[in-house]
Every structure is written in structure tokens, then in C-alpha cells.
Amino acid sequence: MKAAIYRTPGDIRIEEVEPAAIGDDELLVDVRAASLCGTDVRIFEAGHAKIPTPTRRVLGHEIAGVISKVGRLVSGFRPGMRVCFTPNIGCGVCESCRRGFNNLCPRYDVLGITIDGGFQEAMRVPAAAIRGGNVFEIPDGLGFEEAAVIEPLACCYNAFRGVRITAEDTLLVIGPGPIGAFFVQLARRWGVKTIIVAGRSDARLREIERFGADITIDTSAKDLKGEIGRITRGRGVDVVVTAASSPELQPLAVELLAIHGRVSFFGGLARGTEVAIDTNLVHYRGLTLTGTTGASNEDYFRSLRLVADGQIDARAVISHRFALAEIDGAFAVARGRKAMKTIIVAP
């Protein structure tokens, strides 16, 4: 079978490999769709601490497919069942796992990072993922492409809950990409009063309007702080989501908040990056600073229901589709950061 093998930064090759042999407590899944994440792009560009050279790894952690083989000790799954996944596999015994936060397990494994992921024709699903509840049946009526992008939606859902957003709030999303599009859709679903999206990509800003953004701000042409002051008449916004990995955005986000405002630092920064936050603003305005990473199995389950029930349009976030053999082209589009979601699909 074919697999896209990551070797070192900048080097991913389509290779012919032997199909993975599964154990009695594992599954084999024929991959039907696997979307590219910003994490995949960062690994391609700069590597990852959990993929030391010369490790060969199949990336891709946003995955949907069909079970082709079931180990004899596995129950609850059958050949032909359509499935999708939460990629963060917890140890199952630590405090975080016991509280339901498999995404915060200090000893986690991840599909597509520590375990071969979805950029291949067939993927082995380890026993820990089955025991940990990381494998979900795709509801009837939901396609593989939509199911593959449930994972990034679940990450947004996790962050969205963390900032306790209400219908009376004014929301600012900084970053008009696919993550921003999911935040806008969630905000619309929650009935948020005013949704503002800011970013530097004209194409993405035009695209984000169809997801329900009320106001867009091109920060390459306008000063974001000045525009927010004008739009809110000096009050500031109630909630800011930094849906971009930029150090300068984090202190700016705090400055844009109204009294009792909340910020979600969604986009992670490179290890060792430091930013200076004016804590007097936090103190005197009663601000709340939050951050989330990944999604728990519960976040994923609820997000899957939102899409299956038609409350979130996951398919609309997908802009480019490639075959596995075109993986170089898929990464080129994703690295350009002008498109929405890029996805690898089976023929």
C-alpha cells in the first residue's frame, strides 16, 4: 500500500509499504479522508520533539475511514463500520485521564505524531485508542470528509466553552482561517450578538463572511486596536480568540478586552517563546485569560453531534482536495495559508 512518509523537515515522500499487521486487540482502518492541520504544517517545516530524526512517521491526525479488519479480542466494532478519531490517546490511569481530559495526559500518544496517522491507505489503530474511547462511529448521513474535520472543530468547541461566551457578547476572532471559520459558526450557533474577524488575508476574510462574520478587519491595511475602539466606541470586546500562532497577538488581545472580558489563547507558540502581558489590565478590568489544547473525547462527541444534527457545516470549511499521491501539492496549499481546509481523500 502507499503511505506518505515524513523523514525530516521538508521531506515527505510517497512510498510503497507493507500493510500494518494488527494484533488481536487492534483494528485496521482503510483511510477515506485525512485533513491537514496547522500542526502538520509546523512539523513539515520545523519538525517535532516527539518525532526525533531518523524516525519515519506517517503524519495526519484528522482522520475518517472504514474498518477493514478487527482483532479477535475486540468487541463493539465490525468490518465495514465507518469511524473517526480523537487523536490524543491518554494513559487511562493518571489524574487528567480519570477526570476525562485525555488531551491533557502527561504520557499521551497521538495518532499522526507518536503513532502513524492518516496520510496512508490503511492505518493500524492501537489497543490503547480502542480502550480509551478514541474511536467513534460516524453517524449515518455524515460523509468521510466532514467526519475528518470534526477534530479541529472539537478543539474549537473546547476553547469556546472555556471563555464562557454568551449571546450578549461581542466576539473578536483573530485569524480568518478554517479554525476562525469554526469559531464563527459556533458563535452563530450560540447566538452571539456581534462577530468580528480580523486577519491579513483578503481571500480568507472574504471567505469568512459566508460563515456568519458580521465585521471583518484587514489588519494589513487597518490598525486593529483603532478599529476595535471605533467599532465598540471605546468599550472593547467581550471575548477575543487568538486563532493564529503569533506572539504579538497575545498582549494585543488583552488590550482589546472590555471590563470583565475573556481571552482564549488558542494558537500555540513555539517552545520558549515569551510574551509580556500588562497584568494591571487584568487586575483593574477583571479580565480572564484562558488557554486550551486539543479536545477531550467529550468535546469530540459533542462536536460530532453538532455536525450530524446540521448545526455546524463542516464540509463548507473544506476548500481543497488532493489524492494521497499529491501530498506535496496539499502541503504547498496548506503552507500558503490562503485557502481554508485542505484534505487528502481516497479515490
Protein backbone atom coordinates (compact mmCIF):
# COMPACT_ATOMS: atom_id res chain seq x y z
CA MET A 1 0.00 0.00 0.00
CA LYS A 2 1.01 3.66 -0.31
CA ALA A 3 1.94 5.94 2.56
CA ALA A 4 3.31 9.47 2.84
CA ILE A 5 6.43 9.04 4.97
CA TYR A 6 7.81 12.04 6.86
CA ARG A 7 11.58 11.76 7.34
CA THR A 8 12.91 15.22 8.21
CA PRO A 9 11.59 18.78 7.90
CA GLY A 10 10.73 19.44 4.28
CA ASP A 11 10.93 15.76 3.31
CA ILE A 12 7.72 13.77 2.90
CA ARG A 13 7.71 11.01 0.30
CA ILE A 14 5.08 8.67 -1.08
CA GLU A 15 6.39 5.15 -0.58
CA GLU A 16 5.14 1.63 -1.07
CA VAL A 17 4.96 -0.09 2.34
CA GLU A 18 3.62 -3.33 3.72
CA PRO A 19 0.13 -3.04 5.23
CA ALA A 20 0.32 -2.85 9.00
CA ALA A 21 -0.22 -6.13 10.81
CA ILE A 22 -2.70 -5.77 13.65
CA GLY A 23 -2.75 -7.53 16.99
CA ASP A 24 -5.68 -9.37 18.50
CA ASP A 25 -6.72 -6.21 20.34
CA GLU A 26 -6.36 -3.77 17.42
CA LEU A 27 -8.18 -2.51 14.32
CA LEU A 28 -7.16 -1.86 10.74
CA VAL A 29 -8.89 1.08 9.06
CA ASP A 30 -8.91 1.95 5.36
CA VAL A 31 -8.44 5.72 5.35
CA ARG A 32 -11.03 7.60 3.30
CA ALA A 33 -10.21 11.18 4.31
CA ALA A 34 -7.45 12.87 6.31
CA SER A 35 -7.19 16.65 6.56
CA LEU A 36 -4.07 18.76 7.05
CA CYS A 37 -3.71 20.66 10.31
CA GLY A 38 -1.50 23.60 11.20
CA THR A 39 0.42 21.13 13.36
CA ASP A 40 1.19 19.01 10.28
CA VAL A 41 2.48 22.12 8.53
CA ARG A 42 4.67 23.06 11.50
CA ILE A 43 6.10 19.53 11.65
CA PHE A 44 6.82 19.64 7.93
CA GLU A 45 8.58 22.98 8.31
CA ALA A 46 10.41 22.57 11.62
CA GLY A 47 10.00 19.03 12.94
CA HIS A 48 8.56 17.90 16.28
CA ALA A 49 10.14 16.94 19.59
CA LYS A 50 8.22 13.65 19.58
CA ILE A 51 9.49 12.72 16.09
CA PRO A 52 13.26 12.72 16.51
CA THR A 53 15.40 12.13 13.42
CA PRO A 54 15.71 9.50 11.94
CA THR A 55 12.17 8.45 12.92
CA ARG A 56 9.96 7.67 9.93
CA ARG A 57 6.40 8.77 10.63
CA VAL A 58 3.09 8.98 8.81
CA LEU A 59 1.53 12.31 9.76
CA GLY A 60 -2.17 13.16 9.78
CA HIS A 61 -4.36 13.16 12.90
CA GLU A 62 -7.70 14.35 11.46
CA ILE A 63 -8.93 11.05 10.08
CA ALA A 64 -12.00 9.16 8.91
CA GLY A 65 -12.23 5.72 7.35
CA VAL A 66 -13.74 2.23 7.23
CA ILE A 67 -12.75 -0.69 9.45
CA SER A 68 -11.35 -3.48 7.29
CA LYS A 69 -10.05 -5.84 9.99
CA VAL A 70 -11.00 -6.42 13.63
CA GLY A 71 -8.75 -8.20 16.10
CA ARG A 72 -10.36 -11.28 17.64
CA LEU A 73 -10.36 -9.76 21.14
CA VAL A 74 -12.02 -6.51 20.06
CA SER A 75 -15.72 -6.05 20.72
CA GLY A 76 -18.09 -3.27 19.69
CA PHE A 77 -16.55 -2.82 16.25
CA ARG A 78 -17.07 -4.67 12.97
CA PRO A 79 -15.66 -4.70 9.43
CA GLY A 80 -17.41 -2.08 7.30
CA MET A 81 -18.07 0.27 10.22
CA ARG A 82 -17.29 3.91 9.36
CA VAL A 83 -15.17 5.55 12.05
CA CYS A 84 -13.35 8.75 13.01
CA PHE A 85 -11.00 9.55 15.86
CA THR A 86 -9.82 11.74 18.67
CA PRO A 87 -6.04 11.62 18.16
CA ASN A 88 -4.81 12.19 21.73
CA ILE A 89 -4.66 8.82 23.46
CA GLY A 90 -4.37 9.11 27.23
CA CYS A 91 -2.70 6.59 29.52
CA GLY A 92 -6.05 5.97 31.24
CA VAL A 93 -4.73 5.98 34.80
CA CYS A 94 -3.39 9.49 35.54
CA GLU A 95 -5.44 12.23 37.21
CA SER A 96 -6.16 14.02 33.91
CA CYS A 97 -7.43 10.84 32.26
CA ARG A 98 -9.53 9.94 35.30
CA ARG A 99 -11.19 13.37 35.06
CA GLY A 100 -11.92 12.91 31.37
CA PHE A 101 -9.12 15.08 29.98
CA ASN A 102 -7.34 12.58 27.74
CA ASN A 103 -5.96 15.56 25.77
CA LEU A 104 -4.01 16.70 28.87
CA CYS A 105 -2.49 13.34 29.81
CA PRO A 106 1.23 13.85 30.55
CA ARG A 107 2.03 10.47 28.97
CA TYR A 108 -0.20 10.73 25.91
CA ASP A 109 0.33 9.21 22.49
CA VAL A 110 -1.00 10.89 19.34
CA LEU A 111 -2.13 9.46 16.03
CA GLY A 112 -0.01 11.09 13.35
CA ILE A 113 2.79 12.11 15.74
CA THR A 114 3.90 9.28 18.03
CA ILE A 115 1.85 6.69 16.12
CA ASP A 116 1.46 6.50 12.34
CA GLY A 117 -1.54 8.54 11.26
CA GLY A 118 -3.87 9.05 8.36
CA PHE A 119 -1.73 10.02 5.36
CA GLN A 120 -1.67 6.41 4.17
CA GLU A 121 -4.08 3.99 2.59
CA ALA A 122 -4.66 1.93 5.73
CA MET A 123 -3.95 2.71 9.39
CA ARG A 124 -3.43 0.47 12.41
CA VAL A 125 -5.49 1.55 15.41
CA PRO A 126 -3.71 0.55 18.65
CA ALA A 127 -5.45 -1.13 21.55
CA ALA A 128 -4.99 1.93 23.79
CA ALA A 129 -7.10 4.04 21.40
CA ILE A 130 -9.89 1.46 21.48
CA ARG A 131 -9.80 1.13 25.28
CA GLY A 132 -9.58 4.90 25.70
CA GLY A 133 -12.73 5.62 23.69
CA ASN A 134 -10.86 7.40 20.89
CA VAL A 135 -12.72 5.59 18.09
CA PHE A 136 -16.18 6.94 17.13
CA GLU A 137 -18.71 5.54 14.71
CA ILE A 138 -19.62 8.07 12.01
CA PRO A 139 -23.37 8.78 12.12
CA ASP A 140 -25.48 7.86 9.11
CA GLY A 141 -25.73 10.71 6.64
CA LEU A 142 -22.34 12.19 7.54
CA GLY A 143 -19.59 11.89 4.92
CA PHE A 144 -15.96 10.97 5.45
CA GLU A 145 -14.74 14.48 4.64
CA GLU A 146 -16.96 16.10 7.27
CA ALA A 147 -16.00 13.42 9.79
CA ALA A 148 -12.29 14.04 9.21
CA VAL A 149 -12.61 17.69 10.25
CA ILE A 150 -14.57 17.01 13.44
CA GLU A 151 -11.24 17.01 15.29
CA PRO A 152 -10.35 20.68 14.69
CA LEU A 153 -13.96 21.63 15.39
CA ALA A 154 -13.73 19.79 18.71
CA CYS A 155 -10.61 21.80 19.60
CA CYS A 156 -12.58 24.99 18.90
CA TYR A 157 -15.53 23.71 20.92
CA ASN A 158 -13.21 23.08 23.87
CA ALA A 159 -11.87 26.65 23.70
CA PHE A 160 -15.33 28.11 23.12
CA ARG A 161 -16.66 26.60 26.33
CA GLY A 162 -13.60 27.86 28.18
CA VAL A 163 -14.38 31.55 27.57
CA ARG A 164 -18.00 31.18 28.74
CA ILE A 165 -19.40 33.09 25.78
CA THR A 166 -22.98 34.38 25.87
CA ALA A 167 -25.46 35.80 23.36
CA GLU A 168 -24.85 39.34 24.69
CA ASP A 169 -21.13 39.27 23.92
CA THR A 170 -19.10 40.88 21.18
CA LEU A 171 -16.58 38.34 19.90
CA LEU A 172 -13.32 39.03 18.07
CA VAL A 173 -11.62 36.15 16.28
CA ILE A 174 -8.07 36.95 15.16
CA GLY A 175 -7.27 34.60 12.30
CA PRO A 176 -9.66 34.07 9.35
CA GLY A 177 -8.61 30.52 8.50
CA PRO A 178 -10.54 27.26 8.98
CA ILE A 179 -10.21 27.49 12.76
CA GLY A 180 -11.65 31.00 12.61
CA ALA A 181 -14.48 29.69 10.42
CA PHE A 182 -15.36 27.08 13.03
CA PHE A 183 -15.34 29.70 15.81
CA VAL A 184 -17.65 31.90 13.76
CA GLN A 185 -20.06 29.03 13.19
CA LEU A 186 -20.04 28.13 16.89
CA ALA A 187 -20.69 31.77 17.78
CA ARG A 188 -23.61 31.90 15.36
CA ARG A 189 -25.00 28.72 16.88
CA TRP A 190 -24.73 30.30 20.35
CA GLY A 191 -26.49 33.44 19.11
CA VAL A 192 -23.56 35.77 19.77
CA LYS A 193 -24.55 39.41 19.23
CA THR A 194 -21.62 40.65 17.15
CA ILE A 195 -18.86 38.58 15.49
CA ILE A 196 -15.72 40.34 14.27
CA VAL A 197 -12.94 38.57 12.39
CA ALA A 198 -9.52 40.12 11.81
CA GLY A 199 -6.62 38.95 9.68
CA ARG A 200 -4.16 39.72 6.91
CA SER A 201 -5.54 37.53 4.12
CA ASP A 202 -8.01 39.28 1.82
CA ALA A 203 -9.12 35.94 0.34
CA ARG A 204 -9.79 34.36 3.72
CA LEU A 205 -11.54 37.47 5.03
CA ARG A 206 -13.90 37.38 2.06
CA GLU A 207 -14.47 33.69 2.65
CA ILE A 208 -15.14 34.07 6.38
CA GLU A 209 -18.12 36.35 5.73
CA ARG A 210 -20.20 33.46 4.40
CA PHE A 211 -19.79 31.63 7.72
CA GLY A 212 -21.54 34.46 9.55
CA ALA A 213 -18.97 37.11 10.44
CA ASP A 214 -20.65 40.50 10.93
CA ILE A 215 -17.50 42.60 10.50
CA THR A 216 -14.08 41.82 9.01
CA ILE A 217 -10.89 43.83 9.54
CA ASP A 218 -7.91 43.61 7.20
CA THR A 219 -5.02 44.22 9.59
CA SER A 220 -2.59 44.70 6.72
CA ALA A 221 -4.46 47.91 5.87
CA LYS A 222 -6.01 48.99 9.19
CA ASP A 223 -4.85 49.28 12.79
CA LEU A 224 -6.70 46.58 14.74
CA LYS A 225 -6.71 48.42 18.07
CA GLY A 226 -8.01 51.58 16.44
CA GLU A 227 -10.71 49.71 14.54
CA ILE A 228 -11.93 47.86 17.63
CA GLY A 229 -12.04 51.15 19.52
CA ARG A 230 -14.10 52.69 16.74
CA ILE A 231 -16.48 49.75 16.35
CA THR A 232 -17.12 49.37 20.11
CA ARG A 233 -16.97 53.12 20.85
CA GLY A 234 -14.00 52.62 23.12
CA ARG A 235 -15.56 49.86 25.19
CA GLY A 236 -13.57 46.91 23.83
CA VAL A 237 -14.78 43.41 23.03
CA ASP A 238 -16.07 40.83 25.49
CA VAL A 239 -14.17 37.86 24.09
CA VAL A 240 -11.06 37.51 21.93
CA VAL A 241 -9.86 34.25 20.37
CA THR A 242 -6.30 34.28 19.01
CA ALA A 243 -6.76 31.72 16.21
CA ALA A 244 -3.24 32.36 14.93
CA SER A 245 0.20 31.45 16.28
CA SER A 246 1.66 34.92 16.66
CA PRO A 247 3.40 36.18 19.84
CA GLU A 248 2.45 39.82 19.28
CA LEU A 249 -1.25 38.97 19.17
CA GLN A 250 -1.45 37.78 22.76
CA PRO A 251 -0.68 41.05 24.59
CA LEU A 252 -2.73 42.93 21.99
CA ALA A 253 -5.69 40.65 22.62
CA VAL A 254 -5.62 41.57 26.32
CA GLU A 255 -5.56 45.28 25.44
CA LEU A 256 -8.68 44.88 23.27
CA LEU A 257 -10.86 43.47 26.04
CA ALA A 258 -13.69 45.29 27.74
CA ILE A 259 -14.23 45.15 31.50
CA HIS A 260 -14.70 41.51 32.56
CA GLY A 261 -13.53 40.43 29.12
CA ARG A 262 -12.13 36.98 28.37
CA VAL A 263 -9.44 35.83 26.01
CA SER A 264 -8.66 32.36 24.66
CA PHE A 265 -5.05 31.90 23.59
CA PHE A 266 -5.94 29.23 21.05
CA GLY A 267 -2.96 29.37 18.70
CA GLY A 268 0.10 27.89 20.42
CA LEU A 269 3.55 29.45 20.21
CA ALA A 270 6.96 27.93 19.62
CA ARG A 271 8.53 26.41 22.72
CA GLY A 272 10.45 29.02 24.71
CA THR A 273 8.53 31.99 23.31
CA GLU A 274 7.82 34.65 25.92
CA VAL A 275 5.28 37.47 25.73
CA ALA A 276 4.77 40.47 28.02
CA ILE A 277 1.22 40.85 29.35
CA ASP A 278 0.17 44.03 31.16
CA THR A 279 -1.22 42.41 34.32
CA ASN A 280 -2.54 45.77 35.54
CA LEU A 281 -5.13 45.47 32.75
CA VAL A 282 -6.03 42.02 34.04
CA HIS A 283 -6.24 43.30 37.62
CA TYR A 284 -8.17 46.52 37.15
CA ARG A 285 -10.53 45.33 34.41
CA GLY A 286 -11.24 41.93 35.97
CA LEU A 287 -10.11 40.06 32.89
CA THR A 288 -9.93 36.29 32.42
CA LEU A 289 -7.10 34.74 30.40
CA THR A 290 -7.66 31.16 29.25
CA GLY A 291 -5.99 28.58 27.05
CA THR A 292 -6.89 25.14 25.76
CA THR A 293 -5.10 22.47 23.80
CA GLY A 294 -6.67 19.73 21.76
CA ALA A 295 -10.00 18.23 22.69
CA SER A 296 -11.26 15.61 25.10
CA ASN A 297 -13.36 12.68 23.96
CA GLU A 298 -16.39 14.52 25.34
CA ASP A 299 -15.59 17.63 23.29
CA TYR A 300 -15.26 15.43 20.22
CA PHE A 301 -18.53 13.60 20.88
CA ARG A 302 -20.47 16.84 21.28
CA SER A 303 -18.87 18.33 18.15
CA LEU A 304 -19.72 15.22 16.16
CA ARG A 305 -23.34 15.64 17.23
CA LEU A 306 -23.36 19.32 16.22
CA VAL A 307 -22.29 18.42 12.70
CA ALA A 308 -24.50 15.35 12.42
CA ASP A 309 -27.51 17.42 13.54
CA GLY A 310 -26.78 20.08 10.91
CA GLN A 311 -25.94 22.83 13.41
CA ILE A 312 -22.37 23.24 12.09
CA ASP A 313 -21.46 22.95 8.40
CA ALA A 314 -18.12 21.16 8.50
CA ARG A 315 -17.99 20.49 4.76
CA ALA A 316 -18.10 24.22 3.99
CA VAL A 317 -14.71 24.68 5.67
CA ILE A 318 -13.01 22.32 3.17
CA SER A 319 -11.64 24.24 0.20
CA HIS A 320 -9.07 21.93 -1.44
CA ARG A 321 -8.99 18.18 -2.03
CA PHE A 322 -5.99 16.10 -3.07
CA ALA A 323 -5.20 12.44 -3.64
CA LEU A 324 -2.57 10.84 -1.41
CA ALA A 325 -0.11 10.83 -4.32
CA GLU A 326 -0.48 14.63 -4.43
CA ILE A 327 0.66 15.15 -0.83
CA ASP A 328 3.30 17.70 -1.91
CA GLY A 329 0.64 19.85 -3.52
CA ALA A 330 -1.58 19.56 -0.45
CA PHE A 331 1.20 20.80 1.82
CA ALA A 332 2.03 23.61 -0.60
CA VAL A 333 -1.56 24.87 -0.43
CA ALA A 334 -1.76 24.49 3.35
CA ARG A 335 1.57 26.27 3.86
CA GLY A 336 0.36 29.17 1.73
CA ARG A 337 -2.23 29.93 4.45
CA LYS A 338 -4.60 31.47 1.94
CA ALA A 339 -7.01 28.56 1.49
CA MET A 340 -9.38 27.09 4.04
CA LYS A 341 -9.13 23.41 4.93
CA THR A 342 -7.01 21.10 2.75
CA ILE A 343 -7.87 17.41 2.77
CA ILE A 344 -6.48 14.16 1.41
CA VAL A 345 -9.22 11.91 0.03
CA ALA A 346 -9.23 8.32 -1.21
CA PRO A 347 -10.31 7.74 -4.83
